[in-house]
Amino acid sequence: INRMNRSGERLCIPHIPEEMFMKALKTIIEVEQDWVPSEDGTSLYIRPFLLGNDETLGVHAVHNATFAIITGPDDSRPGRERLRGYCRALEEHGIALNPSYICKGDFMVNCAYEHTLALCDLPEPPTAIFASNNMTTYGCLKAFGERKIQPGVDMALFGFDNIEELGWLNYNISAVIRDVPQMGEQAMRLLMRRFDSREIPEKGTRICLPTELVLRGSEQMPSK
């Protein structure tokens, strides 16, 4: 199932949840149990396949995309830096910045929920939303559920920080992730070094840890 989903991702076909796959597999075996061999040295070989069944025929990527962001508070460094990254990415790809697609959030669920509804109600709603933290992602999903919007099918959604629990609910949300335990380890090392030396670290000392964009399927945008 993992290999098939990886192939589907390259073909822009939505992922098949593993639980759904296994349930379907068990059902077909039960229905066709007379075909299952029982002799020694024999087995039943099942080859699943995946295909698109749109009403149109063609092979192409999305031609047009609009990208919105729900930011964090202006007085929050993460909020400011993630907004700066959004603006820089648009500039690097030659995409005009649309102020209507920048929503000033507060890193909380209800604010993100209201902003997502407002974005959906625009005359030209965005095809993708970047949620600046995990609570913002929850707010987006709350609004998506209310409007019957499926991430990666009707509108693309990117989050920040990994939310493992969403996978349990078959929400495969693409996200920028970081190694939070490593962040804590580096912070503790700096603190212990300060305790050991009895010296205040030089002002402006910064340690930059890498982030990773993990694509899980919700990054796919609808074709216009």
C-alpha atoms as a PDB file:
ATOM      1  CA  ILE A   1       0.000   0.000   0.000  1.00  0.00           C
ATOM      2  CA  ASN A   2       2.863   2.390   0.739  1.00  0.00           C
ATOM      3  CA  ARG A   3       4.479   1.740  -2.650  1.00  0.00           C
ATOM      4  CA  MET A   4       1.148   2.188  -4.426  1.00  0.00           C
ATOM      5  CA  ASN A   5       0.503   5.464  -2.613  1.00  0.00           C
ATOM      6  CA  ARG A   6       3.958   6.712  -3.537  1.00  0.00           C
ATOM      7  CA  SER A   7       3.199   5.949  -7.168  1.00  0.00           C
ATOM      8  CA  GLY A   8      -0.176   7.657  -6.816  1.00  0.00           C
ATOM      9  CA  GLU A   9       1.497  10.753  -5.419  1.00  0.00           C
ATOM     10  CA  ARG A  10       3.649  11.040  -8.527  1.00  0.00           C
ATOM     11  CA  LEU A  11       0.488  10.728 -10.636  1.00  0.00           C
ATOM     12  CA  CYS A  12      -1.407  13.302  -8.511  1.00  0.00           C
ATOM     13  CA  ILE A  13      -3.862  10.616  -7.350  1.00  0.00           C
ATOM     14  CA  PRO A  14      -5.095  10.916  -3.720  1.00  0.00           C
ATOM     15  CA  HIS A  15      -3.692   8.520  -1.138  1.00  0.00           C
ATOM     16  CA  ILE A  16      -5.632   5.402  -0.210  1.00  0.00           C
ATOM     17  CA  PRO A  17      -5.877   5.081   3.618  1.00  0.00           C
ATOM     18  CA  GLU A  18      -4.273   1.858   4.804  1.00  0.00           C
ATOM     19  CA  GLU A  19      -7.287   0.963   6.959  1.00  0.00           C
ATOM     20  CA  MET A  20      -9.614   1.292   3.940  1.00  0.00           C
ATOM     21  CA  PHE A  21      -7.223  -0.762   1.802  1.00  0.00           C
ATOM     22  CA  MET A  22      -6.999  -3.613   4.321  1.00  0.00           C
ATOM     23  CA  LYS A  23     -10.771  -3.647   4.840  1.00  0.00           C
ATOM     24  CA  ALA A  24     -11.353  -3.882   1.086  1.00  0.00           C
ATOM     25  CA  LEU A  25      -8.726  -6.617   0.778  1.00  0.00           C
ATOM     26  CA  LYS A  26     -10.327  -8.727   3.520  1.00  0.00           C
ATOM     27  CA  THR A  27     -13.779  -8.197   2.017  1.00  0.00           C
ATOM     28  CA  ILE A  28     -12.795  -9.396  -1.467  1.00  0.00           C
ATOM     29  CA  ILE A  29     -11.123 -12.476   0.020  1.00  0.00           C
ATOM     30  CA  GLU A  30     -14.261 -13.299   2.010  1.00  0.00           C
ATOM     31  CA  VAL A  31     -16.511 -12.816  -1.028  1.00  0.00           C
ATOM     32  CA  GLU A  32     -14.246 -14.859  -3.330  1.00  0.00           C
ATOM     33  CA  GLN A  33     -13.133 -17.428  -0.751  1.00  0.00           C
ATOM     34  CA  ASP A  34     -13.934 -20.302  -3.122  1.00  0.00           C
ATOM     35  CA  TRP A  35     -11.023 -19.144  -5.240  1.00  0.00           C
ATOM     36  CA  VAL A  36      -8.561 -19.265  -2.361  1.00  0.00           C
ATOM     37  CA  PRO A  37      -6.420 -22.418  -2.773  1.00  0.00           C
ATOM     38  CA  SER A  38      -5.983 -24.658   0.238  1.00  0.00           C
ATOM     39  CA  GLU A  39      -3.415 -27.174  -1.025  1.00  0.00           C
ATOM     40  CA  ASP A  40       0.112 -27.205   0.357  1.00  0.00           C
ATOM     41  CA  GLY A  41       2.523 -25.002  -1.559  1.00  0.00           C
ATOM     42  CA  THR A  42      -0.218 -22.802  -3.059  1.00  0.00           C
ATOM     43  CA  SER A  43      -1.252 -19.255  -2.315  1.00  0.00           C
ATOM     44  CA  LEU A  44      -3.556 -16.497  -3.498  1.00  0.00           C
ATOM     45  CA  TYR A  45      -1.825 -13.633  -5.325  1.00  0.00           C
ATOM     46  CA  ILE A  46      -3.655 -10.300  -5.311  1.00  0.00           C
ATOM     47  CA  ARG A  47      -2.328  -7.394  -7.352  1.00  0.00           C
ATOM     48  CA  PRO A  48      -4.007  -4.073  -6.431  1.00  0.00           C
ATOM     49  CA  PHE A  49      -3.909  -1.188  -8.880  1.00  0.00           C
ATOM     50  CA  LEU A  50      -4.814   2.475  -8.808  1.00  0.00           C
ATOM     51  CA  LEU A  51      -6.265   4.599 -11.598  1.00  0.00           C
ATOM     52  CA  GLY A  52      -7.831   8.002 -12.056  1.00  0.00           C
ATOM     53  CA  ASN A  53     -11.434   8.163 -13.291  1.00  0.00           C
ATOM     54  CA  ASP A  54     -11.995  11.854 -13.997  1.00  0.00           C
ATOM     55  CA  GLU A  55     -14.449  12.780 -16.745  1.00  0.00           C
ATOM     56  CA  THR A  56     -11.648  14.438 -18.729  1.00  0.00           C
ATOM     57  CA  LEU A  57      -8.625  12.825 -20.341  1.00  0.00           C
ATOM     58  CA  GLY A  58      -5.241  14.510 -20.115  1.00  0.00           C
ATOM     59  CA  VAL A  59      -1.942  14.725 -18.317  1.00  0.00           C
ATOM     60  CA  HIS A  60      -0.928  18.051 -16.831  1.00  0.00           C
ATOM     61  CA  ALA A  61      -0.027  19.768 -13.596  1.00  0.00           C
ATOM     62  CA  VAL A  62      -2.107  22.558 -12.099  1.00  0.00           C
ATOM     63  CA  HIS A  63      -1.767  25.600 -14.344  1.00  0.00           C
ATOM     64  CA  ASN A  64      -2.868  28.242 -11.848  1.00  0.00           C
ATOM     65  CA  ALA A  65      -2.467  28.502  -8.096  1.00  0.00           C
ATOM     66  CA  THR A  66      -3.174  31.099  -5.418  1.00  0.00           C
ATOM     67  CA  PHE A  67      -1.550  30.785  -2.023  1.00  0.00           C
ATOM     68  CA  ALA A  68      -2.862  32.233   1.257  1.00  0.00           C
ATOM     69  CA  ILE A  69      -1.358  32.307   4.743  1.00  0.00           C
ATOM     70  CA  ILE A  70      -2.840  32.519   8.229  1.00  0.00           C
ATOM     71  CA  THR A  71      -0.022  34.080  10.231  1.00  0.00           C
ATOM     72  CA  GLY A  72       0.804  34.277  13.918  1.00  0.00           C
ATOM     73  CA  PRO A  73       0.687  37.441  16.048  1.00  0.00           C
ATOM     74  CA  ASP A  74       2.742  40.434  14.899  1.00  0.00           C
ATOM     75  CA  ASP A  75       4.508  40.511  18.257  1.00  0.00           C
ATOM     76  CA  SER A  76       5.529  36.851  17.869  1.00  0.00           C
ATOM     77  CA  ARG A  77       8.918  36.150  16.301  1.00  0.00           C
ATOM     78  CA  PRO A  78       7.758  32.839  14.762  1.00  0.00           C
ATOM     79  CA  GLY A  79       4.727  34.616  13.335  1.00  0.00           C
ATOM     80  CA  ARG A  80       6.818  37.369  11.758  1.00  0.00           C
ATOM     81  CA  GLU A  81       9.449  34.998  10.359  1.00  0.00           C
ATOM     82  CA  ARG A  82       6.917  32.607   8.813  1.00  0.00           C
ATOM     83  CA  LEU A  83       5.124  35.523   7.156  1.00  0.00           C
ATOM     84  CA  ARG A  84       8.479  36.772   5.874  1.00  0.00           C
ATOM     85  CA  GLY A  85       9.186  33.316   4.429  1.00  0.00           C
ATOM     86  CA  TYR A  86       5.792  33.277   2.714  1.00  0.00           C
ATOM     87  CA  CYS A  87       6.420  36.666   1.103  1.00  0.00           C
ATOM     88  CA  ARG A  88       9.942  35.684   0.040  1.00  0.00           C
ATOM     89  CA  ALA A  89       8.707  32.449  -1.561  1.00  0.00           C
ATOM     90  CA  LEU A  90       6.114  34.347  -3.600  1.00  0.00           C
ATOM     91  CA  GLU A  91       8.752  36.814  -4.760  1.00  0.00           C
ATOM     92  CA  GLU A  92      11.215  34.085  -5.718  1.00  0.00           C
ATOM     93  CA  HIS A  93       8.577  32.410  -7.890  1.00  0.00           C
ATOM     94  CA  GLY A  94       7.346  35.623  -9.501  1.00  0.00           C
ATOM     95  CA  ILE A  95       3.918  35.508  -7.831  1.00  0.00           C
ATOM     96  CA  ALA A  96       2.290  38.830  -6.974  1.00  0.00           C
ATOM     97  CA  LEU A  97       1.482  39.279  -3.290  1.00  0.00           C
ATOM     98  CA  ASN A  98      -2.255  39.647  -2.667  1.00  0.00           C
ATOM     99  CA  PRO A  99      -3.020  41.309   0.708  1.00  0.00           C
ATOM    100  CA  SER A 100      -6.424  39.577   0.742  1.00  0.00           C
ATOM    101  CA  TYR A 101      -4.638  36.275   1.143  1.00  0.00           C
ATOM    102  CA  ILE A 102      -2.686  37.341   4.261  1.00  0.00           C
ATOM    103  CA  CYS A 103      -4.738  36.765   7.425  1.00  0.00           C
ATOM    104  CA  LYS A 104      -3.410  38.029  10.739  1.00  0.00           C
ATOM    105  CA  GLY A 105      -3.890  35.118  13.115  1.00  0.00           C
ATOM    106  CA  ASP A 106      -3.056  34.498  16.761  1.00  0.00           C
ATOM    107  CA  PHE A 107      -1.884  30.859  16.627  1.00  0.00           C
ATOM    108  CA  MET A 108      -5.252  29.769  18.060  1.00  0.00           C
ATOM    109  CA  VAL A 109      -8.006  27.539  16.664  1.00  0.00           C
ATOM    110  CA  ASN A 110     -10.990  29.908  16.622  1.00  0.00           C
ATOM    111  CA  CYS A 111      -9.148  32.733  14.876  1.00  0.00           C
ATOM    112  CA  ALA A 112      -7.833  30.351  12.199  1.00  0.00           C
ATOM    113  CA  TYR A 113     -11.340  28.911  11.775  1.00  0.00           C
ATOM    114  CA  GLU A 114     -12.834  32.356  11.129  1.00  0.00           C
ATOM    115  CA  HIS A 115     -10.027  33.328   8.741  1.00  0.00           C
ATOM    116  CA  THR A 116     -10.407  30.093   6.763  1.00  0.00           C
ATOM    117  CA  LEU A 117     -14.134  30.695   6.323  1.00  0.00           C
ATOM    118  CA  ALA A 118     -13.388  34.249   5.178  1.00  0.00           C
ATOM    119  CA  LEU A 119     -10.830  32.997   2.644  1.00  0.00           C
ATOM    120  CA  CYS A 120     -13.332  30.469   1.290  1.00  0.00           C
ATOM    121  CA  ASP A 121     -15.940  33.233   0.884  1.00  0.00           C
ATOM    122  CA  LEU A 122     -13.689  35.463  -1.239  1.00  0.00           C
ATOM    123  CA  PRO A 123     -14.826  36.020  -4.858  1.00  0.00           C
ATOM    124  CA  GLU A 124     -11.607  34.237  -5.867  1.00  0.00           C
ATOM    125  CA  PRO A 125     -10.664  31.988  -2.941  1.00  0.00           C
ATOM    126  CA  PRO A 126      -7.095  30.675  -2.756  1.00  0.00           C
ATOM    127  CA  THR A 127      -6.231  27.206  -3.973  1.00  0.00           C
ATOM    128  CA  ALA A 128      -3.816  26.662  -1.070  1.00  0.00           C
ATOM    129  CA  ILE A 129      -3.503  27.755   2.574  1.00  0.00           C
ATOM    130  CA  PHE A 130      -0.425  27.726   4.799  1.00  0.00           C
ATOM    131  CA  ALA A 131      -1.276  27.354   8.487  1.00  0.00           C
ATOM    132  CA  SER A 132       1.511  28.889  10.575  1.00  0.00           C
ATOM    133  CA  ASN A 133       1.282  26.479  13.520  1.00  0.00           C
ATOM    134  CA  ASN A 134      -0.497  23.345  14.690  1.00  0.00           C
ATOM    135  CA  MET A 135      -3.451  25.124  16.325  1.00  0.00           C
ATOM    136  CA  THR A 136      -3.952  27.095  13.122  1.00  0.00           C
ATOM    137  CA  THR A 137      -4.048  23.794  11.223  1.00  0.00           C
ATOM    138  CA  TYR A 138      -6.802  22.565  13.550  1.00  0.00           C
ATOM    139  CA  GLY A 139      -8.787  25.753  12.867  1.00  0.00           C
ATOM    140  CA  CYS A 140      -8.414  25.300   9.101  1.00  0.00           C
ATOM    141  CA  LEU A 141      -9.590  21.702   9.313  1.00  0.00           C
ATOM    142  CA  LYS A 142     -12.578  22.737  11.420  1.00  0.00           C
ATOM    143  CA  ALA A 143     -13.634  25.178   8.696  1.00  0.00           C
ATOM    144  CA  PHE A 144     -12.883  22.635   5.958  1.00  0.00           C
ATOM    145  CA  GLY A 145     -15.116  20.115   7.671  1.00  0.00           C
ATOM    146  CA  GLU A 146     -17.940  22.628   7.935  1.00  0.00           C
ATOM    147  CA  ARG A 147     -17.660  23.550   4.244  1.00  0.00           C
ATOM    148  CA  LYS A 148     -17.150  19.950   3.077  1.00  0.00           C
ATOM    149  CA  ILE A 149     -13.692  20.804   1.737  1.00  0.00           C
ATOM    150  CA  GLN A 150     -11.254  17.904   1.422  1.00  0.00           C
ATOM    151  CA  PRO A 151      -7.582  18.831   1.865  1.00  0.00           C
ATOM    152  CA  GLY A 152      -5.561  17.968  -1.220  1.00  0.00           C
ATOM    153  CA  VAL A 153      -8.679  17.574  -3.355  1.00  0.00           C
ATOM    154  CA  ASP A 154     -10.732  20.762  -3.113  1.00  0.00           C
ATOM    155  CA  MET A 155      -8.021  22.973  -1.634  1.00  0.00           C
ATOM    156  CA  ALA A 156      -4.375  22.435  -0.699  1.00  0.00           C
ATOM    157  CA  LEU A 157      -3.315  22.781   2.935  1.00  0.00           C
ATOM    158  CA  PHE A 158       0.155  23.042   4.457  1.00  0.00           C
ATOM    159  CA  GLY A 159       0.846  23.125   8.177  1.00  0.00           C
ATOM    160  CA  PHE A 160       3.780  23.912  10.419  1.00  0.00           C
ATOM    161  CA  ASP A 161       4.901  21.259  12.929  1.00  0.00           C
ATOM    162  CA  ASN A 162       4.024  17.612  12.772  1.00  0.00           C
ATOM    163  CA  ILE A 163       0.659  16.573  14.252  1.00  0.00           C
ATOM    164  CA  GLU A 164       0.848  12.807  14.572  1.00  0.00           C
ATOM    165  CA  GLU A 165      -2.747  12.486  15.765  1.00  0.00           C
ATOM    166  CA  LEU A 166      -4.107  13.766  12.439  1.00  0.00           C
ATOM    167  CA  GLY A 167      -2.733  10.654  10.754  1.00  0.00           C
ATOM    168  CA  TRP A 168      -4.878   8.528  13.046  1.00  0.00           C
ATOM    169  CA  LEU A 169      -7.935  10.314  11.585  1.00  0.00           C
ATOM    170  CA  ASN A 170      -6.751   9.854   7.985  1.00  0.00           C
ATOM    171  CA  TYR A 171      -5.818  13.518   7.643  1.00  0.00           C
ATOM    172  CA  ASN A 172      -2.534  13.363   5.739  1.00  0.00           C
ATOM    173  CA  ILE A 173      -1.494  16.992   6.066  1.00  0.00           C
ATOM    174  CA  SER A 174       1.715  18.189   4.425  1.00  0.00           C
ATOM    175  CA  ALA A 175       3.790  20.239   6.830  1.00  0.00           C
ATOM    176  CA  VAL A 176       7.049  21.937   7.603  1.00  0.00           C
ATOM    177  CA  ILE A 177       8.479  19.881  10.453  1.00  0.00           C
ATOM    178  CA  ARG A 178      11.398  20.410  12.803  1.00  0.00           C
ATOM    179  CA  ASP A 179      13.240  18.278  15.327  1.00  0.00           C
ATOM    180  CA  VAL A 180      11.696  19.562  18.554  1.00  0.00           C
ATOM    181  CA  PRO A 181      13.707  17.208  20.839  1.00  0.00           C
ATOM    182  CA  GLN A 182      16.908  18.470  19.204  1.00  0.00           C
ATOM    183  CA  MET A 183      15.801  22.049  19.837  1.00  0.00           C
ATOM    184  CA  GLY A 184      15.337  21.246  23.510  1.00  0.00           C
ATOM    185  CA  GLU A 185      18.708  19.473  23.639  1.00  0.00           C
ATOM    186  CA  GLN A 186      20.524  22.454  22.112  1.00  0.00           C
ATOM    187  CA  ALA A 187      18.787  24.853  24.489  1.00  0.00           C
ATOM    188  CA  MET A 188      19.785  22.713  27.482  1.00  0.00           C
ATOM    189  CA  ARG A 189      23.405  22.581  26.284  1.00  0.00           C
ATOM    190  CA  LEU A 190      23.542  26.378  26.106  1.00  0.00           C
ATOM    191  CA  LEU A 191      22.024  26.623  29.555  1.00  0.00           C
ATOM    192  CA  MET A 192      24.446  24.091  31.071  1.00  0.00           C
ATOM    193  CA  ARG A 193      27.385  25.845  29.424  1.00  0.00           C
ATOM    194  CA  ARG A 194      26.275  29.055  31.058  1.00  0.00           C
ATOM    195  CA  PHE A 195      26.009  27.340  34.443  1.00  0.00           C
ATOM    196  CA  ASP A 196      29.451  25.739  34.063  1.00  0.00           C
ATOM    197  CA  SER A 197      31.268  28.883  32.973  1.00  0.00           C
ATOM    198  CA  ARG A 198      29.287  31.346  35.043  1.00  0.00           C
ATOM    199  CA  GLU A 199      29.425  33.574  32.016  1.00  0.00           C
ATOM    200  CA  ILE A 200      26.579  35.132  30.087  1.00  0.00           C
ATOM    201  CA  PRO A 201      26.654  33.932  26.454  1.00  0.00           C
ATOM    202  CA  GLU A 202      27.436  36.550  23.862  1.00  0.00           C
ATOM    203  CA  LYS A 203      24.337  38.485  22.884  1.00  0.00           C
ATOM    204  CA  GLY A 204      22.956  37.513  19.500  1.00  0.00           C
ATOM    205  CA  THR A 205      24.195  33.909  19.600  1.00  0.00           C
ATOM    206  CA  ARG A 206      21.994  31.848  17.322  1.00  0.00           C
ATOM    207  CA  ILE A 207      21.846  28.156  16.458  1.00  0.00           C
ATOM    208  CA  CYS A 208      19.908  27.343  13.287  1.00  0.00           C
ATOM    209  CA  LEU A 209      18.462  23.843  13.044  1.00  0.00           C
ATOM    210  CA  PRO A 210      17.168  22.426   9.751  1.00  0.00           C
ATOM    211  CA  THR A 211      13.499  22.054   8.876  1.00  0.00           C
ATOM    212  CA  GLU A 212      11.935  19.695   6.364  1.00  0.00           C
ATOM    213  CA  LEU A 213       8.890  19.988   4.128  1.00  0.00           C
ATOM    214  CA  VAL A 214       7.069  16.655   4.279  1.00  0.00           C
ATOM    215  CA  LEU A 215       4.512  16.103   1.520  1.00  0.00           C
ATOM    216  CA  ARG A 216       1.684  13.755   2.470  1.00  0.00           C
ATOM    217  CA  GLY A 217      -0.924  14.543  -0.196  1.00  0.00           C
ATOM    218  CA  SER A 218      -2.702  17.660   1.075  1.00  0.00           C
ATOM    219  CA  GLU A 219      -0.352  19.831  -1.011  1.00  0.00           C
ATOM    220  CA  GLN A 220      -2.210  18.871  -4.173  1.00  0.00           C
ATOM    221  CA  MET A 221      -4.318  21.670  -5.620  1.00  0.00           C
ATOM    222  CA  PRO A 222      -7.526  21.441  -7.657  1.00  0.00           C
ATOM    223  CA  SER A 223      -7.297  22.020 -11.392  1.00  0.00           C
ATOM    224  CA  LYS A 224      -9.183  25.041 -12.651  1.00  0.00           C
END
